[in-house]
Amino acid sequence: MLKRIIPALLFTLAVWTAAAASNGFEEALDAYKKGDLKKAVTKLKIHIKENPRAEAYYLLGYANYKLGRHEEARKYFEEAYLIDPELKPGEIIPGK
């Protein structure tokens, strides 16, 4: 019986982890859309520790750029393109 429970628990944990990671990105994107760039940056920095997605790095770069933090923005843009050289910013940044 324990052999059946452990895989089910691991699957449930994986689903919860993926949902939490997605929620972190969605919260950051929502903050970005509302113009709360500092909150977006904070949420994205937390998010990329758990889920280093190119989209999250790019949005973090763009939020920093809009805050006038150009060197920091450059670092995040570079990381985004290292992860995904085919990244299309228009699909990430609202209004682009």
PDB file of N, CA and C in Angstrom:
ATOM      1  N   MET A   1       0.820  -1.195   0.000  1.00  0.00           N
ATOM      2  CA  MET A   1       0.000   0.000   0.000  1.00  0.00           C
ATOM      3  C   MET A   1       0.866   1.261   0.000  1.00  0.00           C
ATOM      4  N   LEU A   2       1.930   1.233   0.771  1.00  0.00           N
ATOM      5  CA  LEU A   2       2.825   2.391   0.844  1.00  0.00           C
ATOM      6  C   LEU A   2       3.452   2.675  -0.521  1.00  0.00           C
ATOM      7  N   LYS A   3       3.676   1.604  -1.310  1.00  0.00           N
ATOM      8  CA  LYS A   3       4.249   1.776  -2.648  1.00  0.00           C
ATOM      9  C   LYS A   3       3.311   2.554  -3.568  1.00  0.00           C
ATOM     10  N   ARG A   4       2.022   2.524  -3.292  1.00  0.00           N
ATOM     11  CA  ARG A   4       1.048   3.278  -4.096  1.00  0.00           C
ATOM     12  C   ARG A   4       0.894   4.712  -3.598  1.00  0.00           C
ATOM     13  N   ILE A   5       1.022   4.903  -2.320  1.00  0.00           N
ATOM     14  CA  ILE A   5       0.808   6.224  -1.725  1.00  0.00           C
ATOM     15  C   ILE A   5       1.962   7.174  -2.052  1.00  0.00           C
ATOM     16  N   ILE A   6       3.188   6.701  -1.969  1.00  0.00           N
ATOM     17  CA  ILE A   6       4.352   7.564  -2.178  1.00  0.00           C
ATOM     18  C   ILE A   6       4.352   8.191  -3.578  1.00  0.00           C
ATOM     19  N   PRO A   7       4.162   7.424  -4.676  1.00  0.00           N
ATOM     20  CA  PRO A   7       4.110   8.082  -5.990  1.00  0.00           C
ATOM     21  C   PRO A   7       2.967   9.101  -6.100  1.00  0.00           C
ATOM     22  N   ALA A   8       1.841   8.801  -5.502  1.00  0.00           N
ATOM     23  CA  ALA A   8       0.714   9.739  -5.551  1.00  0.00           C
ATOM     24  C   ALA A   8       1.062  11.022  -4.807  1.00  0.00           C
ATOM     25  N   LEU A   9       1.718  10.905  -3.678  1.00  0.00           N
ATOM     26  CA  LEU A   9       2.135  12.088  -2.918  1.00  0.00           C
ATOM     27  C   LEU A   9       3.178  12.896  -3.691  1.00  0.00           C
ATOM     28  N   LEU A  10       4.112  12.226  -4.326  1.00  0.00           N
ATOM     29  CA  LEU A  10       5.134  12.919  -5.114  1.00  0.00           C
ATOM     30  C   LEU A  10       4.507  13.649  -6.292  1.00  0.00           C
ATOM     31  N   PHE A  11       3.538  13.026  -6.940  1.00  0.00           N
ATOM     32  CA  PHE A  11       2.846  13.672  -8.050  1.00  0.00           C
ATOM     33  C   PHE A  11       2.095  14.912  -7.570  1.00  0.00           C
ATOM     34  N   THR A  12       1.402  14.787  -6.454  1.00  0.00           N
ATOM     35  CA  THR A  12       0.658  15.913  -5.891  1.00  0.00           C
ATOM     36  C   THR A  12       1.599  17.054  -5.537  1.00  0.00           C
ATOM     37  N   LEU A  13       2.730  16.742  -4.944  1.00  0.00           N
ATOM     38  CA  LEU A  13       3.716  17.761  -4.602  1.00  0.00           C
ATOM     39  C   LEU A  13       4.241  18.456  -5.853  1.00  0.00           C
ATOM     40  N   ALA A  14       4.491  17.702  -6.914  1.00  0.00           N
ATOM     41  CA  ALA A  14       4.968  18.287  -8.167  1.00  0.00           C
ATOM     42  C   ALA A  14       3.928  19.226  -8.758  1.00  0.00           C
ATOM     43  N   VAL A  15       2.667  18.840  -8.713  1.00  0.00           N
ATOM     44  CA  VAL A  15       1.591  19.688  -9.240  1.00  0.00           C
ATOM     45  C   VAL A  15       1.485  20.967  -8.424  1.00  0.00           C
ATOM     46  N   TRP A  16       1.532  20.873  -7.108  1.00  0.00           N
ATOM     47  CA  TRP A  16       1.463  22.066  -6.248  1.00  0.00           C
ATOM     48  C   TRP A  16       2.645  22.993  -6.503  1.00  0.00           C
ATOM     49  N   THR A  17       3.832  22.413  -6.663  1.00  0.00           N
ATOM     50  CA  THR A  17       5.029  23.218  -6.907  1.00  0.00           C
ATOM     51  C   THR A  17       4.912  23.965  -8.233  1.00  0.00           C
ATOM     52  N   ALA A  18       4.456  23.277  -9.266  1.00  0.00           N
ATOM     53  CA  ALA A  18       4.280  23.922 -10.575  1.00  0.00           C
ATOM     54  C   ALA A  18       3.237  25.029 -10.499  1.00  0.00           C
ATOM     55  N   ALA A  19       2.158  24.787  -9.783  1.00  0.00           N
ATOM     56  CA  ALA A  19       1.110  25.807  -9.647  1.00  0.00           C
ATOM     57  C   ALA A  19       1.635  27.023  -8.893  1.00  0.00           C
ATOM     58  N   ALA A  20       2.401  26.800  -7.847  1.00  0.00           N
ATOM     59  CA  ALA A  20       2.957  27.922  -7.079  1.00  0.00           C
ATOM     60  C   ALA A  20       3.923  28.725  -7.928  1.00  0.00           C
ATOM     61  N   ALA A  21       4.733  28.047  -8.725  1.00  0.00           N
ATOM     62  CA  ALA A  21       5.674  28.757  -9.598  1.00  0.00           C
ATOM     63  C   ALA A  21       4.928  29.587 -10.621  1.00  0.00           C
ATOM     64  N   SER A  22       3.887  29.024 -11.177  1.00  0.00           N
ATOM     65  CA  SER A  22       3.087  29.755 -12.164  1.00  0.00           C
ATOM     66  C   SER A  22       2.419  30.958 -11.517  1.00  0.00           C
ATOM     67  N   ASN A  23       1.892  30.771 -10.313  1.00  0.00           N
ATOM     68  CA  ASN A  23       1.236  31.879  -9.609  1.00  0.00           C
ATOM     69  C   ASN A  23       2.205  33.014  -9.341  1.00  0.00           C
ATOM     70  N   GLY A  24       3.449  32.705  -9.008  1.00  0.00           N
ATOM     71  CA  GLY A  24       4.439  33.747  -8.761  1.00  0.00           C
ATOM     72  C   GLY A  24       4.675  34.595  -9.992  1.00  0.00           C
ATOM     73  N   PHE A  25       4.751  33.957 -11.153  1.00  0.00           N
ATOM     74  CA  PHE A  25       4.940  34.693 -12.392  1.00  0.00           C
ATOM     75  C   PHE A  25       3.701  35.515 -12.713  1.00  0.00           C
ATOM     76  N   GLU A  26       2.535  34.929 -12.517  1.00  0.00           N
ATOM     77  CA  GLU A  26       1.283  35.643 -12.799  1.00  0.00           C
ATOM     78  C   GLU A  26       1.121  36.852 -11.874  1.00  0.00           C
ATOM     79  N   GLU A  27       1.501  36.696 -10.613  1.00  0.00           N
ATOM     80  CA  GLU A  27       1.444  37.829  -9.674  1.00  0.00           C
ATOM     81  C   GLU A  27       2.392  38.937 -10.120  1.00  0.00           C
ATOM     82  N   ALA A  28       3.579  38.564 -10.562  1.00  0.00           N
ATOM     83  CA  ALA A  28       4.550  39.553 -11.035  1.00  0.00           C
ATOM     84  C   ALA A  28       4.039  40.247 -12.290  1.00  0.00           C
ATOM     85  N   LEU A  29       3.469  39.491 -13.199  1.00  0.00           N
ATOM     86  CA  LEU A  29       2.930  40.058 -14.431  1.00  0.00           C
ATOM     87  C   LEU A  29       1.777  41.011 -14.114  1.00  0.00           C
ATOM     88  N   ASP A  30       0.942  40.633 -13.166  1.00  0.00           N
ATOM     89  CA  ASP A  30      -0.173  41.495 -12.753  1.00  0.00           C
ATOM     90  C   ASP A  30       0.360  42.798 -12.154  1.00  0.00           C
ATOM     91  N   ALA A  31       1.365  42.715 -11.298  1.00  0.00           N
ATOM     92  CA  ALA A  31       1.971  43.920 -10.707  1.00  0.00           C
ATOM     93  C   ALA A  31       2.570  44.789 -11.807  1.00  0.00           C
ATOM     94  N   TYR A  32       3.221  44.162 -12.769  1.00  0.00           N
ATOM     95  CA  TYR A  32       3.809  44.902 -13.895  1.00  0.00           C
ATOM     96  C   TYR A  32       2.725  45.650 -14.667  1.00  0.00           C
ATOM     97  N   LYS A  33       1.638  44.956 -14.984  1.00  0.00           N
ATOM     98  CA  LYS A  33       0.540  45.566 -15.739  1.00  0.00           C
ATOM     99  C   LYS A  33      -0.073  46.749 -15.001  1.00  0.00           C
ATOM    100  N   LYS A  34      -0.082  46.670 -13.671  1.00  0.00           N
ATOM    101  CA  LYS A  34      -0.649  47.751 -12.853  1.00  0.00           C
ATOM    102  C   LYS A  34       0.350  48.894 -12.639  1.00  0.00           C
ATOM    103  N   GLY A  35       1.562  48.725 -13.142  1.00  0.00           N
ATOM    104  CA  GLY A  35       2.570  49.767 -13.000  1.00  0.00           C
ATOM    105  C   GLY A  35       3.366  49.698 -11.721  1.00  0.00           C
ATOM    106  N   ASP A  36       3.161  48.660 -10.927  1.00  0.00           N
ATOM    107  CA  ASP A  36       3.905  48.483  -9.680  1.00  0.00           C
ATOM    108  C   ASP A  36       5.183  47.701 -10.000  1.00  0.00           C
ATOM    109  N   LEU A  37       6.133  48.411 -10.613  1.00  0.00           N
ATOM    110  CA  LEU A  37       7.342  47.757 -11.107  1.00  0.00           C
ATOM    111  C   LEU A  37       8.222  47.213  -9.990  1.00  0.00           C
ATOM    112  N   LYS A  38       8.279  47.909  -8.869  1.00  0.00           N
ATOM    113  CA  LYS A  38       9.107  47.416  -7.759  1.00  0.00           C
ATOM    114  C   LYS A  38       8.556  46.097  -7.220  1.00  0.00           C
ATOM    115  N   LYS A  39       7.233  45.998  -7.114  1.00  0.00           N
ATOM    116  CA  LYS A  39       6.619  44.747  -6.665  1.00  0.00           C
ATOM    117  C   LYS A  39       6.870  43.645  -7.694  1.00  0.00           C
ATOM    118  N   ALA A  40       6.765  43.983  -8.974  1.00  0.00           N
ATOM    119  CA  ALA A  40       7.024  43.007 -10.032  1.00  0.00           C
ATOM    120  C   ALA A  40       8.448  42.479  -9.937  1.00  0.00           C
ATOM    121  N   VAL A  41       9.402  43.374  -9.724  1.00  0.00           N
ATOM    122  CA  VAL A  41      10.802  42.970  -9.595  1.00  0.00           C
ATOM    123  C   VAL A  41      10.979  42.028  -8.406  1.00  0.00           C
ATOM    124  N   THR A  42      10.395  42.373  -7.287  1.00  0.00           N
ATOM    125  CA  THR A  42      10.505  41.534  -6.094  1.00  0.00           C
ATOM    126  C   THR A  42       9.926  40.146  -6.347  1.00  0.00           C
ATOM    127  N   LYS A  43       8.724  40.095  -6.907  1.00  0.00           N
ATOM    128  CA  LYS A  43       8.065  38.815  -7.186  1.00  0.00           C
ATOM    129  C   LYS A  43       8.870  37.986  -8.190  1.00  0.00           C
ATOM    130  N   LEU A  44       9.402  38.633  -9.202  1.00  0.00           N
ATOM    131  CA  LEU A  44      10.166  37.908 -10.218  1.00  0.00           C
ATOM    132  C   LEU A  44      11.469  37.362  -9.664  1.00  0.00           C
ATOM    133  N   LYS A  45      12.132  38.107  -8.803  1.00  0.00           N
ATOM    134  CA  LYS A  45      13.374  37.607  -8.201  1.00  0.00           C
ATOM    135  C   LYS A  45      13.108  36.355  -7.371  1.00  0.00           C
ATOM    136  N   ILE A  46      12.000  36.345  -6.679  1.00  0.00           N
ATOM    137  CA  ILE A  46      11.612  35.151  -5.909  1.00  0.00           C
ATOM    138  C   ILE A  46      11.285  34.008  -6.867  1.00  0.00           C
ATOM    139  N   HIS A  47      10.549  34.338  -7.910  1.00  0.00           N
ATOM    140  CA  HIS A  47      10.108  33.327  -8.874  1.00  0.00           C
ATOM    141  C   HIS A  47      11.284  32.638  -9.570  1.00  0.00           C
ATOM    142  N   ILE A  48      12.267  33.398 -10.013  1.00  0.00           N
ATOM    143  CA  ILE A  48      13.360  32.789 -10.772  1.00  0.00           C
ATOM    144  C   ILE A  48      14.258  31.894  -9.920  1.00  0.00           C
ATOM    145  N   LYS A  49      14.224  32.072  -8.611  1.00  0.00           N
ATOM    146  CA  LYS A  49      14.989  31.164  -7.748  1.00  0.00           C
ATOM    147  C   LYS A  49      14.413  29.754  -7.818  1.00  0.00           C
ATOM    148  N   GLU A  50      13.097  29.652  -7.936  1.00  0.00           N
ATOM    149  CA  GLU A  50      12.412  28.373  -7.998  1.00  0.00           C
ATOM    150  C   GLU A  50      12.237  27.879  -9.438  1.00  0.00           C
ATOM    151  N   ASN A  51      12.063  28.822 -10.371  1.00  0.00           N
ATOM    152  CA  ASN A  51      11.714  28.466 -11.736  1.00  0.00           C
ATOM    153  C   ASN A  51      12.404  29.427 -12.709  1.00  0.00           C
ATOM    154  N   PRO A  52      13.651  29.149 -13.047  1.00  0.00           N
ATOM    155  CA  PRO A  52      14.411  30.079 -13.901  1.00  0.00           C
ATOM    156  C   PRO A  52      13.998  30.015 -15.371  1.00  0.00           C
ATOM    157  N   ARG A  53      12.848  30.597 -15.669  1.00  0.00           N
ATOM    158  CA  ARG A  53      12.316  30.627 -17.034  1.00  0.00           C
ATOM    159  C   ARG A  53      12.819  31.869 -17.762  1.00  0.00           C
ATOM    160  N   ALA A  54      13.041  31.730 -19.058  1.00  0.00           N
ATOM    161  CA  ALA A  54      13.492  32.859 -19.868  1.00  0.00           C
ATOM    162  C   ALA A  54      12.509  34.022 -19.791  1.00  0.00           C
ATOM    163  N   GLU A  55      11.217  33.709 -19.814  1.00  0.00           N
ATOM    164  CA  GLU A  55      10.188  34.751 -19.778  1.00  0.00           C
ATOM    165  C   GLU A  55      10.271  35.580 -18.504  1.00  0.00           C
ATOM    166  N   ALA A  56      10.527  34.921 -17.401  1.00  0.00           N
ATOM    167  CA  ALA A  56      10.624  35.617 -16.117  1.00  0.00           C
ATOM    168  C   ALA A  56      11.860  36.515 -16.083  1.00  0.00           C
ATOM    169  N   TYR A  57      12.990  36.008 -16.594  1.00  0.00           N
ATOM    170  CA  TYR A  57      14.192  36.833 -16.651  1.00  0.00           C
ATOM    171  C   TYR A  57      13.987  38.050 -17.548  1.00  0.00           C
ATOM    172  N   TYR A  58      13.314  37.838 -18.679  1.00  0.00           N
ATOM    173  CA  TYR A  58      13.097  38.957 -19.595  1.00  0.00           C
ATOM    174  C   TYR A  58      12.202  40.021 -18.958  1.00  0.00           C
ATOM    175  N   LEU A  59      11.113  39.582 -18.342  1.00  0.00           N
ATOM    176  CA  LEU A  59      10.220  40.542 -17.694  1.00  0.00           C
ATOM    177  C   LEU A  59      10.942  41.270 -16.562  1.00  0.00           C
ATOM    178  N   LEU A  60      11.794  40.563 -15.847  1.00  0.00           N
ATOM    179  CA  LEU A  60      12.589  41.185 -14.788  1.00  0.00           C
ATOM    180  C   LEU A  60      13.530  42.234 -15.387  1.00  0.00           C
ATOM    181  N   GLY A  61      14.121  41.910 -16.520  1.00  0.00           N
ATOM    182  CA  GLY A  61      14.969  42.884 -17.201  1.00  0.00           C
ATOM    183  C   GLY A  61      14.186  44.097 -17.645  1.00  0.00           C
ATOM    184  N   TYR A  62      13.017  43.879 -18.197  1.00  0.00           N
ATOM    185  CA  TYR A  62      12.214  44.986 -18.705  1.00  0.00           C
ATOM    186  C   TYR A  62      11.720  45.886 -17.565  1.00  0.00           C
ATOM    187  N   ALA A  63      11.306  45.286 -16.464  1.00  0.00           N
ATOM    188  CA  ALA A  63      10.862  46.079 -15.308  1.00  0.00           C
ATOM    189  C   ALA A  63      12.020  46.916 -14.770  1.00  0.00           C
ATOM    190  N   ASN A  64      13.202  46.315 -14.678  1.00  0.00           N
ATOM    191  CA  ASN A  64      14.375  47.067 -14.221  1.00  0.00           C
ATOM    192  C   ASN A  64      14.724  48.189 -15.188  1.00  0.00           C
ATOM    193  N   TYR A  65      14.607  47.921 -16.482  1.00  0.00           N
ATOM    194  CA  TYR A  65      14.878  48.945 -17.485  1.00  0.00           C
ATOM    195  C   TYR A  65      13.948  50.142 -17.294  1.00  0.00           C
ATOM    196  N   LYS A  66      12.663  49.858 -17.100  1.00  0.00           N
ATOM    197  CA  LYS A  66      11.697  50.941 -16.917  1.00  0.00           C
ATOM    198  C   LYS A  66      11.933  51.711 -15.612  1.00  0.00           C
ATOM    199  N   LEU A  67      12.587  51.067 -14.642  1.00  0.00           N
ATOM    200  CA  LEU A  67      12.933  51.731 -13.385  1.00  0.00           C
ATOM    201  C   LEU A  67      14.252  52.506 -13.499  1.00  0.00           C
ATOM    202  N   GLY A  68      14.877  52.464 -14.674  1.00  0.00           N
ATOM    203  CA  GLY A  68      16.136  53.185 -14.876  1.00  0.00           C
ATOM    204  C   GLY A  68      17.360  52.413 -14.437  1.00  0.00           C
ATOM    205  N   ARG A  69      17.199  51.160 -14.117  1.00  0.00           N
ATOM    206  CA  ARG A  69      18.309  50.305 -13.681  1.00  0.00           C
ATOM    207  C   ARG A  69      18.844  49.543 -14.895  1.00  0.00           C
ATOM    208  N   HIS A  70      19.516  50.254 -15.782  1.00  0.00           N
ATOM    209  CA  HIS A  70      19.887  49.687 -17.070  1.00  0.00           C
ATOM    210  C   HIS A  70      20.920  48.572 -17.009  1.00  0.00           C
ATOM    211  N   GLU A  71      21.889  48.687 -16.159  1.00  0.00           N
ATOM    212  CA  GLU A  71      22.905  47.631 -16.042  1.00  0.00           C
ATOM    213  C   GLU A  71      22.281  46.341 -15.504  1.00  0.00           C
ATOM    214  N   GLU A  72      21.443  46.488 -14.494  1.00  0.00           N
ATOM    215  CA  GLU A  72      20.772  45.310 -13.939  1.00  0.00           C
ATOM    216  C   GLU A  72      19.843  44.699 -14.997  1.00  0.00           C
ATOM    217  N   ALA A  73      19.156  45.548 -15.745  1.00  0.00           N
ATOM    218  CA  ALA A  73      18.266  45.076 -16.805  1.00  0.00           C
ATOM    219  C   ALA A  73      19.047  44.261 -17.837  1.00  0.00           C
ATOM    220  N   ARG A  74      20.190  44.786 -18.238  1.00  0.00           N
ATOM    221  CA  ARG A  74      21.020  44.099 -19.228  1.00  0.00           C
ATOM    222  C   ARG A  74      21.379  42.691 -18.768  1.00  0.00           C
ATOM    223  N   LYS A  75      21.714  42.561 -17.501  1.00  0.00           N
ATOM    224  CA  LYS A  75      22.081  41.260 -16.935  1.00  0.00           C
ATOM    225  C   LYS A  75      20.921  40.266 -17.071  1.00  0.00           C
ATOM    226  N   TYR A  76      19.712  40.717 -16.797  1.00  0.00           N
ATOM    227  CA  TYR A  76      18.555  39.823 -16.883  1.00  0.00           C
ATOM    228  C   TYR A  76      18.170  39.513 -18.322  1.00  0.00           C
ATOM    229  N   PHE A  77      18.309  40.486 -19.218  1.00  0.00           N
ATOM    230  CA  PHE A  77      18.054  40.231 -20.641  1.00  0.00           C
ATOM    231  C   PHE A  77      19.013  39.159 -21.164  1.00  0.00           C
ATOM    232  N   GLU A  78      20.290  39.300 -20.814  1.00  0.00           N
ATOM    233  CA  GLU A  78      21.288  38.325 -21.250  1.00  0.00           C
ATOM    234  C   GLU A  78      20.949  36.930 -20.747  1.00  0.00           C
ATOM    235  N   GLU A  79      20.554  36.841 -19.490  1.00  0.00           N
ATOM    236  CA  GLU A  79      20.194  35.542 -18.914  1.00  0.00           C
ATOM    237  C   GLU A  79      19.000  34.942 -19.646  1.00  0.00           C
ATOM    238  N   ALA A  80      18.022  35.760 -19.970  1.00  0.00           N
ATOM    239  CA  ALA A  80      16.842  35.281 -20.692  1.00  0.00           C
ATOM    240  C   ALA A  80      17.241  34.659 -22.021  1.00  0.00           C
ATOM    241  N   TYR A  81      18.136  35.336 -22.758  1.00  0.00           N
ATOM    242  CA  TYR A  81      18.541  34.829 -24.068  1.00  0.00           C
ATOM    243  C   TYR A  81      19.516  33.666 -23.990  1.00  0.00           C
ATOM    244  N   LEU A  82      20.205  33.521 -22.870  1.00  0.00           N
ATOM    245  CA  LEU A  82      21.024  32.319 -22.678  1.00  0.00           C
ATOM    246  C   LEU A  82      20.129  31.098 -22.499  1.00  0.00           C
ATOM    247  N   ILE A  83      19.041  31.283 -21.779  1.00  0.00           N
ATOM    248  CA  ILE A  83      18.102  30.186 -21.552  1.00  0.00           C
ATOM    249  C   ILE A  83      17.343  29.845 -22.831  1.00  0.00           C
ATOM    250  N   ASP A  84      16.892  30.875 -23.533  1.00  0.00           N
ATOM    251  CA  ASP A  84      16.099  30.665 -24.747  1.00  0.00           C
ATOM    252  C   ASP A  84      16.484  31.680 -25.822  1.00  0.00           C
ATOM    253  N   PRO A  85      17.421  31.305 -26.701  1.00  0.00           N
ATOM    254  CA  PRO A  85      17.857  32.232 -27.750  1.00  0.00           C
ATOM    255  C   PRO A  85      16.745  32.622 -28.725  1.00  0.00           C
ATOM    256  N   GLU A  86      15.671  31.860 -28.765  1.00  0.00           N
ATOM    257  CA  GLU A  86      14.548  32.127 -29.669  1.00  0.00           C
ATOM    258  C   GLU A  86      13.431  32.933 -28.994  1.00  0.00           C
ATOM    259  N   LEU A  87      13.695  33.475 -27.846  1.00  0.00           N
ATOM    260  CA  LEU A  87      12.696  34.206 -27.065  1.00  0.00           C
ATOM    261  C   LEU A  87      12.076  35.339 -27.887  1.00  0.00           C
ATOM    262  N   LYS A  88      10.767  35.460 -27.810  1.00  0.00           N
ATOM    263  CA  LYS A  88      10.037  36.526 -28.519  1.00  0.00           C
ATOM    264  C   LYS A  88       9.404  37.447 -27.488  1.00  0.00           C
ATOM    265  N   PRO A  89      10.020  38.612 -27.228  1.00  0.00           N
ATOM    266  CA  PRO A  89       9.534  39.519 -26.181  1.00  0.00           C
ATOM    267  C   PRO A  89       8.090  39.953 -26.347  1.00  0.00           C
ATOM    268  N   GLY A  90       7.600  40.068 -27.575  1.00  0.00           N
ATOM    269  CA  GLY A  90       6.221  40.501 -27.794  1.00  0.00           C
ATOM    270  C   GLY A  90       5.200  39.572 -27.191  1.00  0.00           C
ATOM    271  N   GLU A  91       5.580  38.336 -26.946  1.00  0.00           N
ATOM    272  CA  GLU A  91       4.681  37.375 -26.345  1.00  0.00           C
ATOM    273  C   GLU A  91       4.708  37.460 -24.818  1.00  0.00           C
ATOM    274  N   ILE A  92       5.637  38.205 -24.270  1.00  0.00           N
ATOM    275  CA  ILE A  92       5.806  38.300 -22.812  1.00  0.00           C
ATOM    276  C   ILE A  92       5.323  39.632 -22.272  1.00  0.00           C
ATOM    277  N   ILE A  93       5.804  40.709 -22.865  1.00  0.00           N
ATOM    278  CA  ILE A  93       5.547  42.058 -22.366  1.00  0.00           C
ATOM    279  C   ILE A  93       4.200  42.555 -22.870  1.00  0.00           C
ATOM    280  N   PRO A  94       3.312  42.887 -21.947  1.00  0.00           N
ATOM    281  CA  PRO A  94       2.014  43.410 -22.365  1.00  0.00           C
ATOM    282  C   PRO A  94       2.166  44.701 -23.181  1.00  0.00           C
ATOM    283  N   GLY A  95       1.447  44.778 -24.289  1.00  0.00           N
ATOM    284  CA  GLY A  95       1.468  45.978 -25.088  1.00  0.00           C
ATOM    285  C   GLY A  95       2.639  46.084 -26.043  1.00  0.00           C
ATOM    286  N   LYS A  96       3.415  45.035 -26.192  1.00  0.00           N
ATOM    287  CA  LYS A  96       4.570  45.067 -27.114  1.00  0.00           C
ATOM    288  C   LYS A  96       4.218  44.320 -28.373  1.00  0.00           C
TER     289      LYS A  96
END
